[in-house]
Amino acid sequence: MGRRWIGIEMGEHAVTHCLPRLRKVVEGERGGISTAVNWQGGGGFQLLQPGAPLFGEDGDKTGAALATLPPGMPLLGIHEGTAC
């Protein structure tokens, strides 16, 4: 259908409901709007899950999150004058 988009879902239903449906659409499952637009399947998607937060609620960097950053990770931003 020539669409490009980013879907954001939070909660377990993202894995239990959204993921199986997206797989069916890519595989060409016939149902819903797929039939109406003669969708034959194709395309793809990526499921990305966020890691631990880099900053705590008070704005301070969390040691555990920073310890897990891979070497050479690009600059994510600056918080109160500190690069992270």
PDB file of N, CA and C in Angstrom:
ATOM      1  N   MET A   1       0.816  -1.194   0.000  1.00  0.00           N
ATOM      2  CA  MET A   1       0.000   0.000   0.000  1.00  0.00           C
ATOM      3  C   MET A   1       0.860   1.258   0.000  1.00  0.00           C
ATOM      4  N   GLY A   2       2.171   1.086   0.014  1.00  0.00           N
ATOM      5  CA  GLY A   2       3.065   2.228  -0.071  1.00  0.00           C
ATOM      6  C   GLY A   2       3.117   3.081   1.181  1.00  0.00           C
ATOM      7  N   ARG A   3       2.744   2.540   2.309  1.00  0.00           N
ATOM      8  CA  ARG A   3       2.735   3.321   3.542  1.00  0.00           C
ATOM      9  C   ARG A   3       4.032   3.134   4.315  1.00  0.00           C
ATOM     10  N   ARG A   4       4.435   4.181   5.009  1.00  0.00           N
ATOM     11  CA  ARG A   4       5.565   4.136   5.934  1.00  0.00           C
ATOM     12  C   ARG A   4       5.095   4.795   7.207  1.00  0.00           C
ATOM     13  N   TRP A   5       5.267   4.127   8.321  1.00  0.00           N
ATOM     14  CA  TRP A   5       4.817   4.695   9.576  1.00  0.00           C
ATOM     15  C   TRP A   5       5.535   4.057  10.736  1.00  0.00           C
ATOM     16  N   ILE A   6       5.411   4.692  11.866  1.00  0.00           N
ATOM     17  CA  ILE A   6       5.964   4.179  13.110  1.00  0.00           C
ATOM     18  C   ILE A   6       4.799   3.963  14.060  1.00  0.00           C
ATOM     19  N   GLY A   7       4.660   2.760  14.546  1.00  0.00           N
ATOM     20  CA  GLY A   7       3.628   2.458  15.537  1.00  0.00           C
ATOM     21  C   GLY A   7       4.270   2.359  16.908  1.00  0.00           C
ATOM     22  N   ILE A   8       3.632   2.933  17.874  1.00  0.00           N
ATOM     23  CA  ILE A   8       4.143   2.869  19.237  1.00  0.00           C
ATOM     24  C   ILE A   8       3.062   2.261  20.113  1.00  0.00           C
ATOM     25  N   GLU A   9       3.370   1.151  20.708  1.00  0.00           N
ATOM     26  CA  GLU A   9       2.439   0.465  21.592  1.00  0.00           C
ATOM     27  C   GLU A   9       3.138   0.160  22.905  1.00  0.00           C
ATOM     28  N   MET A  10       2.452   0.348  23.990  1.00  0.00           N
ATOM     29  CA  MET A  10       3.005   0.021  25.307  1.00  0.00           C
ATOM     30  C   MET A  10       2.133  -1.068  25.925  1.00  0.00           C
ATOM     31  N   GLY A  11       2.759  -1.954  26.619  1.00  0.00           N
ATOM     32  CA  GLY A  11       2.019  -3.013  27.282  1.00  0.00           C
ATOM     33  C   GLY A  11       2.219  -4.343  26.595  1.00  0.00           C
ATOM     34  N   GLU A  12       1.793  -5.377  27.273  1.00  0.00           N
ATOM     35  CA  GLU A  12       1.964  -6.744  26.783  1.00  0.00           C
ATOM     36  C   GLU A  12       1.204  -6.993  25.482  1.00  0.00           C
ATOM     37  N   HIS A  13       0.112  -6.263  25.242  1.00  0.00           N
ATOM     38  CA  HIS A  13      -0.663  -6.476  24.010  1.00  0.00           C
ATOM     39  C   HIS A  13       0.147  -6.166  22.757  1.00  0.00           C
ATOM     40  N   ALA A  14       1.203  -5.382  22.884  1.00  0.00           N
ATOM     41  CA  ALA A  14       2.057  -5.107  21.729  1.00  0.00           C
ATOM     42  C   ALA A  14       2.655  -6.406  21.200  1.00  0.00           C
ATOM     43  N   VAL A  15       2.973  -7.322  22.096  1.00  0.00           N
ATOM     44  CA  VAL A  15       3.551  -8.613  21.704  1.00  0.00           C
ATOM     45  C   VAL A  15       2.465  -9.654  21.460  1.00  0.00           C
ATOM     46  N   THR A  16       1.418  -9.647  22.277  1.00  0.00           N
ATOM     47  CA  THR A  16       0.395 -10.689  22.164  1.00  0.00           C
ATOM     48  C   THR A  16      -0.606 -10.437  21.043  1.00  0.00           C
ATOM     49  N   HIS A  17      -0.846  -9.179  20.674  1.00  0.00           N
ATOM     50  CA  HIS A  17      -1.852  -8.875  19.666  1.00  0.00           C
ATOM     51  C   HIS A  17      -1.288  -8.182  18.421  1.00  0.00           C
ATOM     52  N   CYS A  18      -0.531  -7.122  18.629  1.00  0.00           N
ATOM     53  CA  CYS A  18      -0.025  -6.334  17.485  1.00  0.00           C
ATOM     54  C   CYS A  18       0.989  -7.112  16.658  1.00  0.00           C
ATOM     55  N   LEU A  19       1.929  -7.757  17.303  1.00  0.00           N
ATOM     56  CA  LEU A  19       2.976  -8.492  16.598  1.00  0.00           C
ATOM     57  C   LEU A  19       2.409  -9.600  15.708  1.00  0.00           C
ATOM     58  N   PRO A  20       1.509 -10.466  16.216  1.00  0.00           N
ATOM     59  CA  PRO A  20       0.946 -11.492  15.323  1.00  0.00           C
ATOM     60  C   PRO A  20       0.180 -10.897  14.142  1.00  0.00           C
ATOM     61  N   ARG A  21      -0.546  -9.807  14.371  1.00  0.00           N
ATOM     62  CA  ARG A  21      -1.305  -9.186  13.281  1.00  0.00           C
ATOM     63  C   ARG A  21      -0.367  -8.630  12.218  1.00  0.00           C
ATOM     64  N   LEU A  22       0.700  -7.958  12.632  1.00  0.00           N
ATOM     65  CA  LEU A  22       1.650  -7.434  11.658  1.00  0.00           C
ATOM     66  C   LEU A  22       2.293  -8.562  10.848  1.00  0.00           C
ATOM     67  N   ARG A  23       2.611  -9.659  11.500  1.00  0.00           N
ATOM     68  CA  ARG A  23       3.185 -10.808  10.776  1.00  0.00           C
ATOM     69  C   ARG A  23       2.220 -11.320   9.712  1.00  0.00           C
ATOM     70  N   LYS A  24       0.943 -11.423  10.070  1.00  0.00           N
ATOM     71  CA  LYS A  24      -0.061 -11.898   9.111  1.00  0.00           C
ATOM     72  C   LYS A  24      -0.176 -10.965   7.912  1.00  0.00           C
ATOM     73  N   VAL A  25      -0.157  -9.672   8.154  1.00  0.00           N
ATOM     74  CA  VAL A  25      -0.277  -8.703   7.063  1.00  0.00           C
ATOM     75  C   VAL A  25       0.916  -8.821   6.116  1.00  0.00           C
ATOM     76  N   VAL A  26       2.120  -8.925   6.655  1.00  0.00           N
ATOM     77  CA  VAL A  26       3.312  -9.047   5.819  1.00  0.00           C
ATOM     78  C   VAL A  26       3.271 -10.345   5.011  1.00  0.00           C
ATOM     79  N   GLU A  27       2.735 -11.403   5.603  1.00  0.00           N
ATOM     80  CA  GLU A  27       2.655 -12.698   4.923  1.00  0.00           C
ATOM     81  C   GLU A  27       1.524 -12.756   3.893  1.00  0.00           C
ATOM     82  N   GLY A  28       0.659 -11.732   3.838  1.00  0.00           N
ATOM     83  CA  GLY A  28      -0.397 -11.693   2.828  1.00  0.00           C
ATOM     84  C   GLY A  28      -1.714 -12.300   3.255  1.00  0.00           C
ATOM     85  N   GLU A  29      -1.963 -12.397   4.522  1.00  0.00           N
ATOM     86  CA  GLU A  29      -3.219 -12.942   5.045  1.00  0.00           C
ATOM     87  C   GLU A  29      -4.396 -12.180   4.459  1.00  0.00           C
ATOM     88  N   ARG A  30      -5.450 -12.883   4.089  1.00  0.00           N
ATOM     89  CA  ARG A  30      -6.627 -12.274   3.469  1.00  0.00           C
ATOM     90  C   ARG A  30      -7.678 -12.005   4.536  1.00  0.00           C
ATOM     91  N   GLY A  31      -7.921 -10.764   4.817  1.00  0.00           N
ATOM     92  CA  GLY A  31      -8.944 -10.391   5.784  1.00  0.00           C
ATOM     93  C   GLY A  31      -8.882  -8.908   6.039  1.00  0.00           C
ATOM     94  N   GLY A  32      -9.932  -8.382   6.610  1.00  0.00           N
ATOM     95  CA  GLY A  32      -9.956  -6.964   6.923  1.00  0.00           C
ATOM     96  C   GLY A  32      -9.749  -6.116   5.679  1.00  0.00           C
ATOM     97  N   ILE A  33      -9.007  -5.054   5.822  1.00  0.00           N
ATOM     98  CA  ILE A  33      -8.763  -4.148   4.692  1.00  0.00           C
ATOM     99  C   ILE A  33      -7.863  -4.772   3.635  1.00  0.00           C
ATOM    100  N   SER A  34      -7.116  -5.817   4.008  1.00  0.00           N
ATOM    101  CA  SER A  34      -6.239  -6.479   3.030  1.00  0.00           C
ATOM    102  C   SER A  34      -7.032  -6.959   1.826  1.00  0.00           C
ATOM    103  N   THR A  35      -8.221  -7.475   2.043  1.00  0.00           N
ATOM    104  CA  THR A  35      -9.068  -7.938   0.946  1.00  0.00           C
ATOM    105  C   THR A  35      -9.578  -6.756   0.137  1.00  0.00           C
ATOM    106  N   ALA A  36     -10.016  -5.704   0.814  1.00  0.00           N
ATOM    107  CA  ALA A  36     -10.596  -4.548   0.131  1.00  0.00           C
ATOM    108  C   ALA A  36      -9.602  -3.859  -0.799  1.00  0.00           C
ATOM    109  N   VAL A  37      -8.315  -3.859  -0.444  1.00  0.00           N
ATOM    110  CA  VAL A  37      -7.310  -3.182  -1.270  1.00  0.00           C
ATOM    111  C   VAL A  37      -6.467  -4.168  -2.070  1.00  0.00           C
ATOM    112  N   ASN A  38      -6.883  -5.446  -2.067  1.00  0.00           N
ATOM    113  CA  ASN A  38      -6.181  -6.505  -2.786  1.00  0.00           C
ATOM    114  C   ASN A  38      -4.721  -6.627  -2.355  1.00  0.00           C
ATOM    115  N   TRP A  39      -4.486  -6.554  -1.070  1.00  0.00           N
ATOM    116  CA  TRP A  39      -3.137  -6.672  -0.520  1.00  0.00           C
ATOM    117  C   TRP A  39      -2.636  -8.097  -0.704  1.00  0.00           C
ATOM    118  N   GLN A  40      -1.443  -8.238  -1.275  1.00  0.00           N
ATOM    119  CA  GLN A  40      -0.874  -9.554  -1.541  1.00  0.00           C
ATOM    120  C   GLN A  40       0.249  -9.922  -0.578  1.00  0.00           C
ATOM    121  N   GLY A  41       0.533  -9.040   0.368  1.00  0.00           N
ATOM    122  CA  GLY A  41       1.619  -9.296   1.313  1.00  0.00           C
ATOM    123  C   GLY A  41       2.883  -8.595   0.874  1.00  0.00           C
ATOM    124  N   GLY A  42       3.882  -8.669   1.742  1.00  0.00           N
ATOM    125  CA  GLY A  42       5.164  -8.043   1.455  1.00  0.00           C
ATOM    126  C   GLY A  42       5.474  -6.961   2.472  1.00  0.00           C
ATOM    127  N   GLY A  43       6.596  -6.321   2.272  1.00  0.00           N
ATOM    128  CA  GLY A  43       7.016  -5.297   3.222  1.00  0.00           C
ATOM    129  C   GLY A  43       7.658  -5.934   4.437  1.00  0.00           C
ATOM    130  N   GLY A  44       7.685  -5.216   5.506  1.00  0.00           N
ATOM    131  CA  GLY A  44       8.280  -5.736   6.717  1.00  0.00           C
ATOM    132  C   GLY A  44       8.157  -4.743   7.852  1.00  0.00           C
ATOM    133  N   PHE A  45       8.688  -5.114   8.981  1.00  0.00           N
ATOM    134  CA  PHE A  45       8.659  -4.264  10.155  1.00  0.00           C
ATOM    135  C   PHE A  45       9.737  -4.719  11.120  1.00  0.00           C
ATOM    136  N   GLN A  46      10.022  -3.881  12.091  1.00  0.00           N
ATOM    137  CA  GLN A  46      10.941  -4.223  13.171  1.00  0.00           C
ATOM    138  C   GLN A  46      10.229  -3.977  14.488  1.00  0.00           C
ATOM    139  N   LEU A  47      10.398  -4.877  15.416  1.00  0.00           N
ATOM    140  CA  LEU A  47       9.888  -4.685  16.767  1.00  0.00           C
ATOM    141  C   LEU A  47      11.071  -4.279  17.629  1.00  0.00           C
ATOM    142  N   LEU A  48      11.026  -3.079  18.155  1.00  0.00           N
ATOM    143  CA  LEU A  48      12.088  -2.565  19.013  1.00  0.00           C
ATOM    144  C   LEU A  48      11.535  -2.372  20.407  1.00  0.00           C
ATOM    145  N   GLN A  49      12.308  -2.759  21.389  1.00  0.00           N
ATOM    146  CA  GLN A  49      11.884  -2.588  22.766  1.00  0.00           C
ATOM    147  C   GLN A  49      12.884  -1.700  23.482  1.00  0.00           C
ATOM    148  N   PRO A  50      12.382  -0.731  24.253  1.00  0.00           N
ATOM    149  CA  PRO A  50      13.291   0.202  24.928  1.00  0.00           C
ATOM    150  C   PRO A  50      14.098  -0.477  26.017  1.00  0.00           C
ATOM    151  N   GLY A  51      15.280   0.065  26.264  1.00  0.00           N
ATOM    152  CA  GLY A  51      16.124  -0.407  27.350  1.00  0.00           C
ATOM    153  C   GLY A  51      15.823   0.368  28.620  1.00  0.00           C
ATOM    154  N   ALA A  52      16.710   0.257  29.559  1.00  0.00           N
ATOM    155  CA  ALA A  52      16.548   0.961  30.829  1.00  0.00           C
ATOM    156  C   ALA A  52      16.691   2.465  30.609  1.00  0.00           C
ATOM    157  N   PRO A  53      15.985   3.270  31.390  1.00  0.00           N
ATOM    158  CA  PRO A  53      16.112   4.722  31.239  1.00  0.00           C
ATOM    159  C   PRO A  53      17.514   5.195  31.610  1.00  0.00           C
ATOM    160  N   LEU A  54      17.964   6.248  30.937  1.00  0.00           N
ATOM    161  CA  LEU A  54      19.279   6.806  31.229  1.00  0.00           C
ATOM    162  C   LEU A  54      19.243   7.770  32.405  1.00  0.00           C
ATOM    163  N   PHE A  55      18.085   8.359  32.657  1.00  0.00           N
ATOM    164  CA  PHE A  55      17.976   9.321  33.745  1.00  0.00           C
ATOM    165  C   PHE A  55      16.884   8.881  34.710  1.00  0.00           C
ATOM    166  N   GLY A  56      17.133   9.081  35.991  1.00  0.00           N
ATOM    167  CA  GLY A  56      16.124   8.798  37.000  1.00  0.00           C
ATOM    168  C   GLY A  56      15.082   9.902  37.023  1.00  0.00           C
ATOM    169  N   GLU A  57      14.076   9.755  37.855  1.00  0.00           N
ATOM    170  CA  GLU A  57      13.016  10.753  37.943  1.00  0.00           C
ATOM    171  C   GLU A  57      13.545  12.114  38.368  1.00  0.00           C
ATOM    172  N   ASP A  58      14.632  12.132  39.120  1.00  0.00           N
ATOM    173  CA  ASP A  58      15.198  13.401  39.578  1.00  0.00           C
ATOM    174  C   ASP A  58      16.159  14.014  38.558  1.00  0.00           C
ATOM    175  N   GLY A  59      16.344  13.373  37.398  1.00  0.00           N
ATOM    176  CA  GLY A  59      17.209  13.908  36.355  1.00  0.00           C
ATOM    177  C   GLY A  59      18.642  13.427  36.425  1.00  0.00           C
ATOM    178  N   ASP A  60      19.023  12.728  37.497  1.00  0.00           N
ATOM    179  CA  ASP A  60      20.386  12.218  37.609  1.00  0.00           C
ATOM    180  C   ASP A  60      20.545  10.971  36.754  1.00  0.00           C
ATOM    181  N   LYS A  61      21.748  10.814  36.194  1.00  0.00           N
ATOM    182  CA  LYS A  61      22.038   9.618  35.411  1.00  0.00           C
ATOM    183  C   LYS A  61      21.998   8.396  36.325  1.00  0.00           C
ATOM    184  N   THR A  62      21.446   7.322  35.821  1.00  0.00           N
ATOM    185  CA  THR A  62      21.416   6.092  36.593  1.00  0.00           C
ATOM    186  C   THR A  62      22.638   5.266  36.238  1.00  0.00           C
ATOM    187  N   GLY A  63      23.396   4.843  37.228  1.00  0.00           N
ATOM    188  CA  GLY A  63      24.627   4.094  37.000  1.00  0.00           C
ATOM    189  C   GLY A  63      24.411   2.810  36.231  1.00  0.00           C
ATOM    190  N   ALA A  64      23.345   2.086  36.552  1.00  0.00           N
ATOM    191  CA  ALA A  64      23.094   0.808  35.874  1.00  0.00           C
ATOM    192  C   ALA A  64      22.836   1.025  34.391  1.00  0.00           C
ATOM    193  N   ALA A  65      22.097   2.072  34.043  1.00  0.00           N
ATOM    194  CA  ALA A  65      21.794   2.336  32.633  1.00  0.00           C
ATOM    195  C   ALA A  65      23.060   2.733  31.888  1.00  0.00           C
ATOM    196  N   LEU A  66      23.886   3.580  32.482  1.00  0.00           N
ATOM    197  CA  LEU A  66      25.097   4.013  31.801  1.00  0.00           C
ATOM    198  C   LEU A  66      26.102   2.878  31.657  1.00  0.00           C
ATOM    199  N   ALA A  67      26.113   1.955  32.597  1.00  0.00           N
ATOM    200  CA  ALA A  67      27.050   0.833  32.531  1.00  0.00           C
ATOM    201  C   ALA A  67      26.721  -0.095  31.361  1.00  0.00           C
ATOM    202  N   THR A  68      25.488  -0.060  30.868  1.00  0.00           N
ATOM    203  CA  THR A  68      25.086  -0.967  29.794  1.00  0.00           C
ATOM    204  C   THR A  68      25.258  -0.354  28.407  1.00  0.00           C
ATOM    205  N   LEU A  69      25.670   0.910  28.319  1.00  0.00           N
ATOM    206  CA  LEU A  69      25.846   1.524  27.011  1.00  0.00           C
ATOM    207  C   LEU A  69      27.019   0.882  26.283  1.00  0.00           C
ATOM    208  N   PRO A  70      26.840   0.523  25.025  1.00  0.00           N
ATOM    209  CA  PRO A  70      27.937  -0.094  24.272  1.00  0.00           C
ATOM    210  C   PRO A  70      29.035   0.917  23.977  1.00  0.00           C
ATOM    211  N   PRO A  71      30.279   0.456  23.846  1.00  0.00           N
ATOM    212  CA  PRO A  71      31.385   1.359  23.506  1.00  0.00           C
ATOM    213  C   PRO A  71      31.113   2.037  22.166  1.00  0.00           C
ATOM    214  N   GLY A  72      31.478   3.285  22.079  1.00  0.00           N
ATOM    215  CA  GLY A  72      31.309   4.020  20.829  1.00  0.00           C
ATOM    216  C   GLY A  72      29.898   4.492  20.561  1.00  0.00           C
ATOM    217  N   MET A  73      29.011   4.376  21.545  1.00  0.00           N
ATOM    218  CA  MET A  73      27.643   4.830  21.336  1.00  0.00           C
ATOM    219  C   MET A  73      27.646   6.340  21.118  1.00  0.00           C
ATOM    220  N   PRO A  74      26.870   6.819  20.142  1.00  0.00           N
ATOM    221  CA  PRO A  74      26.878   8.251  19.852  1.00  0.00           C
ATOM    222  C   PRO A  74      26.270   9.066  20.996  1.00  0.00           C
ATOM    223  N   LEU A  75      26.546  10.338  20.960  1.00  0.00           N
ATOM    224  CA  LEU A  75      26.008  11.256  21.957  1.00  0.00           C
ATOM    225  C   LEU A  75      24.482  11.227  21.886  1.00  0.00           C
ATOM    226  N   LEU A  76      23.844  10.966  23.016  1.00  0.00           N
ATOM    227  CA  LEU A  76      22.387  10.941  23.073  1.00  0.00           C
ATOM    228  C   LEU A  76      21.802  12.305  23.375  1.00  0.00           C
ATOM    229  N   GLY A  77      22.570  13.112  24.090  1.00  0.00           N
ATOM    230  CA  GLY A  77      22.066  14.431  24.432  1.00  0.00           C
ATOM    231  C   GLY A  77      22.874  15.028  25.565  1.00  0.00           C
ATOM    232  N   ILE A  78      22.446  16.193  25.992  1.00  0.00           N
ATOM    233  CA  ILE A  78      23.099  16.869  27.102  1.00  0.00           C
ATOM    234  C   ILE A  78      22.041  17.199  28.136  1.00  0.00           C
ATOM    235  N   HIS A  79      22.297  16.838  29.366  1.00  0.00           N
ATOM    236  CA  HIS A  79      21.386  17.102  30.456  1.00  0.00           C
ATOM    237  C   HIS A  79      22.123  17.895  31.520  1.00  0.00           C
ATOM    238  N   GLU A  80      21.666  19.117  31.753  1.00  0.00           N
ATOM    239  CA  GLU A  80      22.278  19.997  32.747  1.00  0.00           C
ATOM    240  C   GLU A  80      23.795  20.074  32.578  1.00  0.00           C
ATOM    241  N   GLY A  81      24.230  20.242  31.326  1.00  0.00           N
ATOM    242  CA  GLY A  81      25.644  20.432  31.038  1.00  0.00           C
ATOM    243  C   GLY A  81      26.476  19.167  30.975  1.00  0.00           C
ATOM    244  N   THR A  82      25.860  17.996  31.151  1.00  0.00           N
ATOM    245  CA  THR A  82      26.588  16.737  31.114  1.00  0.00           C
ATOM    246  C   THR A  82      26.190  15.954  29.861  1.00  0.00           C
ATOM    247  N   ALA A  83      27.199  15.551  29.078  1.00  0.00           N
ATOM    248  CA  ALA A  83      26.924  14.756  27.880  1.00  0.00           C
ATOM    249  C   ALA A  83      26.604  13.328  28.283  1.00  0.00           C
ATOM    250  N   CYS A  84      25.701  12.734  27.562  1.00  0.00           N
ATOM    251  CA  CYS A  84      25.347  11.328  27.813  1.00  0.00           C
ATOM    252  C   CYS A  84      25.130  10.604  26.503  1.00  0.00           C
TER     253      CYS A  84
END
